[in-house]
Amino acid sequence: MPSLDKATMQRPSAKKPMTGAEKVGLLLLSLGQERAVELLKKFNSEELNIIMRSTDGMPVISAPDLELLVEEFEERFGQGKPFAGNGDDVKSLVAAVINENKAAADAADGNQSKEAVWERLIGLKDDVLLPYIERQHPQVAAFILHRLGSEKSTDLLRSFPADVRNQLLARIFGLRDVSFMVIDALEETLHQELFEADKGRASQHMAMASILNSLDRSQSDDALHHLAQFQPKDAAMIRKLLFKFEDLVTLSSKALTVLMDGVPVERTVIALQGMDAEFQNVVLGTLSPRARRMAEAELQSGTAASPRNLAESRRAIVDAVLRLAAEGAIELPTA
């Protein structure tokens, strides 16, 4: 059997050698859709994308072209019906596999997400979970408590008035098999109301903190004081995210190093302009020796950035602090 990389393998309409991906497309088409799809399932996403991209310039495929690639199939294709195919046929094969793989991945992610709902519920603080359960129908509340396990449900039940607690205990005791459809619907509701909504709220907190961090400290304090009169819990969460560029030196050395590893040296130089020598030394101390020498040379050159570039650089670094804190990569100093 000749090598697939054989230089003599030419395009039928041109003398330019076919690429490896185009040759793979030829072989896949020769197998038929069912077998080709099964084989493509063993390819990773990068390989599938390479094959898909190769189809744009793929010529019409004929039996003689195929014989150069698979000589042992010469007799089968020569005696059988003529083989014809093109790039669109290969695209259809690859698209079928991509869609099938995506559907399987989405289903797996969905199942994993729903299985994790109850574990995540157990991890919620009582002051979050208790009000939510209190708003539910007693039968729904009883089922949630049942699924939380004895330790967590006991802690929560202690907070209910005696008559309500006794009613819930009676309902828990009387629980029977619940339809999978009902459980599935409940898990989806719990996920949406307790976790997806929480993500959206957290995103709002981050956006508001980013705005307030760009204001003077007195202005941000005044805005938070006003917000606290109407939404005290949100104001408290946002206050935890308030962080000025000047607060960089309050981060732990580990957190500051993690932060500065992701900040370009050019941005660091601009942001440090106008800060005192002690502040600059603390920040520069987290850089590699080479990066520090570059930064110090730029700072000593006396080149001044525009006020706009200075503000944008400092804001970008503060936003990076908030993002890393939200991801759990660093911890913000407590007030």
Protein backbone atom coordinates (compact mmCIF):
# COMPACT_ATOMS: atom_id res chain seq x y z
CA MET A 1 0.00 0.00 0.00
CA PRO A 2 1.54 3.39 -0.97
CA SER A 3 2.19 6.01 1.70
CA LEU A 4 -0.53 8.64 2.25
CA ASP A 5 2.18 11.32 2.09
CA LYS A 6 3.34 10.13 -1.30
CA ALA A 7 4.36 13.12 -3.39
CA THR A 8 2.79 11.67 -6.51
CA MET A 9 -0.75 11.95 -5.04
CA GLN A 10 -2.09 14.95 -6.96
CA ARG A 11 -5.37 16.84 -7.06
CA PRO A 12 -7.42 15.68 -10.05
CA SER A 13 -7.79 19.22 -11.40
CA ALA A 14 -4.37 20.58 -10.39
CA LYS A 15 -0.81 19.41 -9.85
CA LYS A 16 -0.60 20.61 -6.26
CA PRO A 17 -0.27 17.68 -3.80
CA MET A 18 -3.27 16.98 -1.60
CA THR A 19 -2.98 17.78 2.08
CA GLY A 20 -3.15 15.09 4.73
CA ALA A 21 -6.54 16.35 5.88
CA GLU A 22 -7.92 16.10 2.33
CA LYS A 23 -6.65 12.53 2.06
CA VAL A 24 -8.40 11.70 5.32
CA GLY A 25 -11.59 13.16 3.88
CA LEU A 26 -11.26 10.88 0.85
CA LEU A 27 -10.84 7.78 2.97
CA LEU A 28 -13.77 8.70 5.21
CA LEU A 29 -16.06 9.10 2.22
CA SER A 30 -14.98 5.72 0.91
CA LEU A 31 -16.17 4.05 4.11
CA GLY A 32 -19.76 5.23 3.82
CA GLN A 33 -21.56 7.53 6.24
CA GLU A 34 -22.32 5.07 9.04
CA ARG A 35 -18.79 3.70 9.36
CA ALA A 36 -17.20 7.10 8.79
CA VAL A 37 -19.26 8.70 11.56
CA GLU A 38 -18.25 5.94 13.99
CA LEU A 39 -14.60 6.47 13.09
CA LEU A 40 -14.84 10.25 13.41
CA LYS A 41 -16.06 9.88 16.99
CA LYS A 42 -12.51 8.84 17.87
CA PHE A 43 -11.11 12.16 16.60
CA ASN A 44 -10.63 15.07 18.99
CA SER A 45 -12.20 18.47 18.35
CA GLU A 46 -9.02 19.96 16.89
CA GLU A 47 -8.70 17.13 14.37
CA LEU A 48 -12.36 17.48 13.39
CA ASN A 49 -11.88 21.20 12.79
CA ILE A 50 -8.83 20.55 10.60
CA ILE A 51 -10.78 18.11 8.46
CA MET A 52 -13.73 20.51 8.25
CA ARG A 53 -11.50 23.37 7.08
CA SER A 54 -9.87 21.20 4.42
CA THR A 55 -13.18 20.64 2.63
CA ASP A 56 -13.42 24.15 1.17
CA GLY A 57 -10.99 23.40 -1.64
CA MET A 58 -11.60 19.67 -1.98
CA PRO A 59 -12.23 18.59 -5.59
CA VAL A 60 -14.82 16.10 -6.80
CA ILE A 61 -13.60 12.64 -5.85
CA SER A 62 -13.45 9.83 -8.37
CA ALA A 63 -12.48 6.18 -8.19
CA PRO A 64 -9.01 6.67 -9.75
CA ASP A 65 -8.16 9.23 -7.06
CA LEU A 66 -9.17 6.78 -4.38
CA GLU A 67 -7.05 3.98 -5.87
CA LEU A 68 -3.88 5.97 -5.21
CA LEU A 69 -4.73 6.10 -1.50
CA VAL A 70 -6.12 2.63 -0.93
CA GLU A 71 -4.71 0.15 -3.41
CA GLU A 72 -6.04 -2.91 -1.59
CA PHE A 73 -9.57 -1.64 -2.30
CA GLU A 74 -8.86 -1.27 -6.02
CA GLU A 75 -10.80 -4.35 -7.07
CA ARG A 76 -13.82 -3.52 -4.87
CA PHE A 77 -14.16 0.04 -6.17
CA GLY A 78 -13.28 -0.90 -9.73
CA GLN A 79 -16.04 -3.51 -9.92
CA GLY A 80 -18.58 -1.67 -7.83
CA LYS A 81 -20.47 1.44 -8.73
CA PRO A 82 -18.37 4.54 -9.40
CA PHE A 83 -17.49 6.45 -6.27
CA ALA A 84 -18.13 10.17 -6.24
CA GLY A 85 -18.07 12.72 -3.48
CA ASN A 86 -16.98 16.25 -2.62
CA GLY A 87 -16.13 18.57 0.23
CA ASP A 88 -19.77 19.08 1.18
CA ASP A 89 -20.13 15.35 1.80
CA VAL A 90 -17.19 15.40 4.20
CA LYS A 91 -18.64 18.45 5.95
CA SER A 92 -21.88 16.57 6.48
CA LEU A 93 -20.05 13.64 8.05
CA VAL A 94 -18.02 15.82 10.42
CA ALA A 95 -21.01 18.00 11.31
CA ALA A 96 -23.00 14.91 12.26
CA VAL A 97 -20.29 13.84 14.69
CA ILE A 98 -19.84 17.33 16.14
CA ASN A 99 -23.58 17.68 16.74
CA GLU A 100 -23.80 14.24 18.30
CA ASN A 101 -20.80 14.87 20.55
CA LYS A 102 -22.17 18.27 21.59
CA ALA A 103 -25.57 16.78 22.44
CA ALA A 104 -23.91 14.08 24.53
CA ALA A 105 -21.73 16.63 26.30
CA ASP A 106 -24.69 18.91 27.02
CA ALA A 107 -26.66 15.99 28.44
CA ALA A 108 -23.73 14.98 30.64
CA ASP A 109 -23.28 18.55 31.88
CA GLY A 110 -27.00 18.81 32.64
CA ASN A 111 -27.05 15.59 34.61
CA GLN A 112 -23.93 16.54 36.53
CA SER A 113 -25.38 19.98 37.31
CA LYS A 114 -28.62 18.52 38.67
CA GLU A 115 -26.82 15.90 40.74
CA ALA A 116 -24.76 18.68 42.31
CA VAL A 117 -27.81 20.78 43.28
CA TRP A 118 -28.35 18.98 46.56
CA GLU A 119 -24.67 19.10 47.48
CA ARG A 120 -24.63 22.81 46.76
CA LEU A 121 -27.77 23.31 48.83
CA ILE A 122 -26.09 21.70 51.82
CA GLY A 123 -23.24 24.17 51.41
CA LEU A 124 -25.52 27.21 51.55
CA LYS A 125 -25.66 29.22 54.76
CA ASP A 126 -28.76 28.73 56.90
CA ASP A 127 -29.71 32.41 56.62
CA VAL A 128 -29.98 31.93 52.84
CA LEU A 129 -31.61 28.51 52.74
CA LEU A 130 -34.09 28.93 55.61
CA PRO A 131 -36.04 31.89 54.12
CA TYR A 132 -36.23 30.06 50.81
CA ILE A 133 -37.69 26.90 52.40
CA GLU A 134 -40.15 28.96 54.43
CA ARG A 135 -41.60 30.40 51.21
CA GLN A 136 -42.32 26.95 49.76
CA HIS A 137 -45.43 24.81 50.01
CA PRO A 138 -45.12 22.56 53.11
CA GLN A 139 -44.87 19.43 50.97
CA VAL A 140 -42.09 20.92 48.85
CA ALA A 141 -40.33 22.17 51.98
CA ALA A 142 -40.56 18.69 53.50
CA PHE A 143 -39.03 17.08 50.42
CA ILE A 144 -36.16 19.60 50.34
CA LEU A 145 -35.42 18.98 54.02
CA HIS A 146 -35.54 15.24 53.40
CA ARG A 147 -33.00 15.47 50.57
CA LEU A 148 -30.66 17.69 52.58
CA GLY A 149 -29.87 14.88 54.99
CA SER A 150 -30.39 14.56 58.71
CA GLU A 151 -27.60 16.87 59.89
CA LYS A 152 -28.51 19.86 57.72
CA SER A 153 -32.27 19.41 58.06
CA THR A 154 -31.98 19.16 61.85
CA ASP A 155 -30.16 22.49 62.01
CA LEU A 156 -32.84 24.11 59.85
CA LEU A 157 -35.82 22.55 61.66
CA ARG A 158 -34.64 24.02 64.97
CA SER A 159 -35.39 27.47 63.53
CA PHE A 160 -39.05 26.74 62.77
CA PRO A 161 -41.86 27.35 65.30
CA ALA A 162 -42.87 24.13 67.06
CA ASP A 163 -46.18 23.75 65.19
CA VAL A 164 -44.57 24.25 61.78
CA ARG A 165 -41.67 21.97 62.69
CA ASN A 166 -44.03 19.19 63.75
CA GLN A 167 -46.05 19.54 60.55
CA LEU A 168 -42.89 19.31 58.43
CA LEU A 169 -41.68 16.26 60.35
CA ALA A 170 -45.02 14.55 59.75
CA ARG A 171 -44.80 15.30 56.03
CA ILE A 172 -41.20 14.03 55.87
CA PHE A 173 -42.27 10.80 57.57
CA GLY A 174 -45.15 10.40 55.13
CA LEU A 175 -43.07 10.92 51.99
CA ARG A 176 -43.48 8.22 49.37
CA ASP A 177 -41.86 7.65 45.99
CA VAL A 178 -41.84 10.89 44.04
CA SER A 179 -42.04 10.98 40.25
CA PHE A 180 -38.73 11.54 38.51
CA MET A 181 -40.39 14.27 36.46
CA VAL A 182 -41.37 16.12 39.64
CA ILE A 183 -37.87 15.78 41.09
CA ASP A 184 -36.33 16.93 37.82
CA ALA A 185 -38.57 20.01 37.74
CA LEU A 186 -37.78 20.81 41.38
CA GLU A 187 -34.03 20.49 40.83
CA GLU A 188 -34.23 22.78 37.82
CA THR A 189 -36.18 25.35 39.86
CA LEU A 190 -33.70 25.17 42.74
CA HIS A 191 -30.81 25.62 40.33
CA GLN A 192 -32.40 28.64 38.65
CA GLU A 193 -33.66 30.40 41.79
CA LEU A 194 -30.77 29.78 44.16
CA PHE A 195 -27.69 29.56 41.97
CA GLU A 196 -28.29 31.15 38.58
CA ALA A 197 -29.96 34.17 40.17
CA ASP A 198 -27.08 34.36 42.62
CA LYS A 199 -24.60 34.45 39.72
CA GLY A 200 -26.48 37.34 38.17
CA ARG A 201 -26.52 39.20 41.47
CA ALA A 202 -22.82 38.63 41.95
CA SER A 203 -22.17 40.01 38.47
CA GLN A 204 -24.18 43.13 39.37
CA HIS A 205 -22.16 43.54 42.55
CA MET A 206 -18.92 43.29 40.56
CA ALA A 207 -20.11 45.85 38.01
CA MET A 208 -21.19 48.30 40.70
CA ALA A 209 -17.93 47.83 42.62
CA SER A 210 -15.97 48.52 39.44
CA ILE A 211 -17.81 51.84 39.03
CA LEU A 212 -17.42 52.86 42.67
CA ASN A 213 -13.73 51.95 42.62
CA SER A 214 -13.26 54.59 39.91
CA LEU A 215 -14.77 57.32 42.11
CA ASP A 216 -13.14 59.19 44.94
CA ARG A 217 -13.38 57.38 48.24
CA SER A 218 -15.77 59.97 49.66
CA GLN A 219 -18.02 59.67 46.61
CA SER A 220 -18.12 55.88 46.74
CA ASP A 221 -18.83 55.93 50.49
CA ASP A 222 -21.70 58.35 49.95
CA ALA A 223 -23.17 56.18 47.17
CA LEU A 224 -22.96 53.05 49.32
CA HIS A 225 -24.57 54.83 52.26
CA HIS A 226 -27.50 55.76 50.03
CA LEU A 227 -27.80 52.20 48.66
CA ALA A 228 -27.71 50.72 52.16
CA GLN A 229 -30.93 52.52 53.06
CA PHE A 230 -32.84 50.50 50.46
CA GLN A 231 -30.77 47.35 49.88
CA PRO A 232 -28.55 46.81 52.92
CA LYS A 233 -27.44 43.27 51.98
CA ASP A 234 -26.37 44.32 48.50
CA ALA A 235 -24.58 47.35 49.89
CA ALA A 236 -22.68 45.12 52.31
CA MET A 237 -21.62 42.75 49.52
CA ILE A 238 -20.48 45.63 47.30
CA ARG A 239 -18.54 47.21 50.17
CA LYS A 240 -16.48 44.01 50.42
CA LEU A 241 -15.48 44.51 46.79
CA LEU A 242 -14.39 48.13 47.13
CA PHE A 243 -10.72 48.30 46.26
CA LYS A 244 -8.69 51.27 45.15
CA PHE A 245 -5.40 51.15 43.28
CA GLU A 246 -3.76 52.60 46.38
CA ASP A 247 -4.91 49.47 48.26
CA LEU A 248 -2.57 47.20 46.28
CA VAL A 249 0.01 47.31 49.05
CA THR A 250 -2.57 45.90 51.50
CA LEU A 251 -2.70 42.61 49.55
CA SER A 252 -0.63 39.72 50.82
CA SER A 253 2.68 39.23 49.01
CA LYS A 254 1.32 36.00 47.51
CA ALA A 255 -1.86 37.67 46.24
CA LEU A 256 0.09 40.62 44.84
CA THR A 257 2.43 38.25 43.00
CA VAL A 258 -0.48 36.34 41.49
CA LEU A 259 -2.02 39.62 40.37
CA MET A 260 1.09 41.13 38.84
CA ASP A 261 1.94 37.91 36.97
CA GLY A 262 -1.04 38.68 34.74
CA VAL A 263 -0.40 42.40 34.26
CA PRO A 264 1.78 43.54 31.32
CA VAL A 265 4.90 45.41 32.38
CA GLU A 266 3.90 48.39 30.21
CA ARG A 267 0.60 48.74 32.11
CA THR A 268 2.40 48.41 35.45
CA VAL A 269 4.81 51.21 34.52
CA ILE A 270 2.00 53.57 33.54
CA ALA A 271 -0.07 52.76 36.63
CA LEU A 272 2.87 53.33 38.99
CA GLN A 273 3.60 56.81 37.68
CA GLY A 274 2.97 59.39 40.39
CA MET A 275 3.01 56.89 43.26
CA ASP A 276 5.57 57.25 46.04
CA ALA A 277 8.81 55.26 46.01
CA GLU A 278 7.71 52.90 48.81
CA PHE A 279 4.53 51.94 46.94
CA GLN A 280 6.48 51.42 43.71
CA ASN A 281 9.04 49.20 45.45
CA VAL A 282 6.35 46.95 46.93
CA VAL A 283 4.72 46.38 43.54
CA LEU A 284 8.00 46.08 41.61
CA GLY A 285 9.22 43.57 44.16
CA THR A 286 6.75 41.01 42.80
CA LEU A 287 8.18 41.16 39.26
CA SER A 288 10.93 39.00 37.84
CA PRO A 289 14.41 40.60 37.94
CA ARG A 290 14.35 41.29 34.20
CA ALA A 291 10.84 42.76 34.25
CA ARG A 292 11.72 44.89 37.27
CA ARG A 293 14.78 46.34 35.56
CA MET A 294 12.68 47.22 32.52
CA ALA A 295 9.99 48.83 34.66
CA GLU A 296 12.48 50.83 36.75
CA ALA A 297 14.22 52.09 33.62
CA GLU A 298 10.91 53.27 32.17
CA LEU A 299 9.89 54.97 35.41
CA GLN A 300 13.25 56.76 35.65
CA SER A 301 13.06 57.96 32.05
CA GLY A 302 10.59 60.66 33.12
CA THR A 303 8.11 59.92 30.33
CA ALA A 304 4.66 60.84 31.60
CA ALA A 305 1.49 59.05 30.53
CA SER A 306 -1.65 60.99 29.74
CA PRO A 307 -4.20 61.27 32.56
CA ARG A 308 -6.55 59.03 30.58
CA ASN A 309 -3.97 56.26 30.11
CA LEU A 310 -3.02 56.54 33.77
CA ALA A 311 -6.63 56.14 34.91
CA GLU A 312 -7.31 53.28 32.48
CA SER A 313 -4.21 51.36 33.55
CA ARG A 314 -5.02 51.66 37.23
CA ARG A 315 -8.64 50.71 36.65
CA ALA A 316 -7.60 47.65 34.63
CA ILE A 317 -5.40 46.46 37.50
CA VAL A 318 -8.19 47.01 40.04
CA ASP A 319 -10.62 45.09 37.82
CA ALA A 320 -8.10 42.25 37.67
CA VAL A 321 -7.99 42.23 41.49
CA LEU A 322 -11.79 41.91 41.67
CA ARG A 323 -11.86 39.18 39.02
CA LEU A 324 -9.19 37.11 40.78
CA ALA A 325 -10.98 37.57 44.08
CA ALA A 326 -14.26 36.42 42.54
CA GLU A 327 -12.51 33.35 41.12
CA GLY A 328 -11.04 32.55 44.53
CA ALA A 329 -7.48 32.96 43.26
CA ILE A 330 -6.69 35.68 45.81
CA GLU A 331 -8.28 37.07 48.96
CA LEU A 332 -9.04 40.74 49.49
CA PRO A 333 -7.92 42.25 52.77
CA THR A 334 -10.67 42.55 55.35
CA ALA A 335 -11.65 46.03 56.45
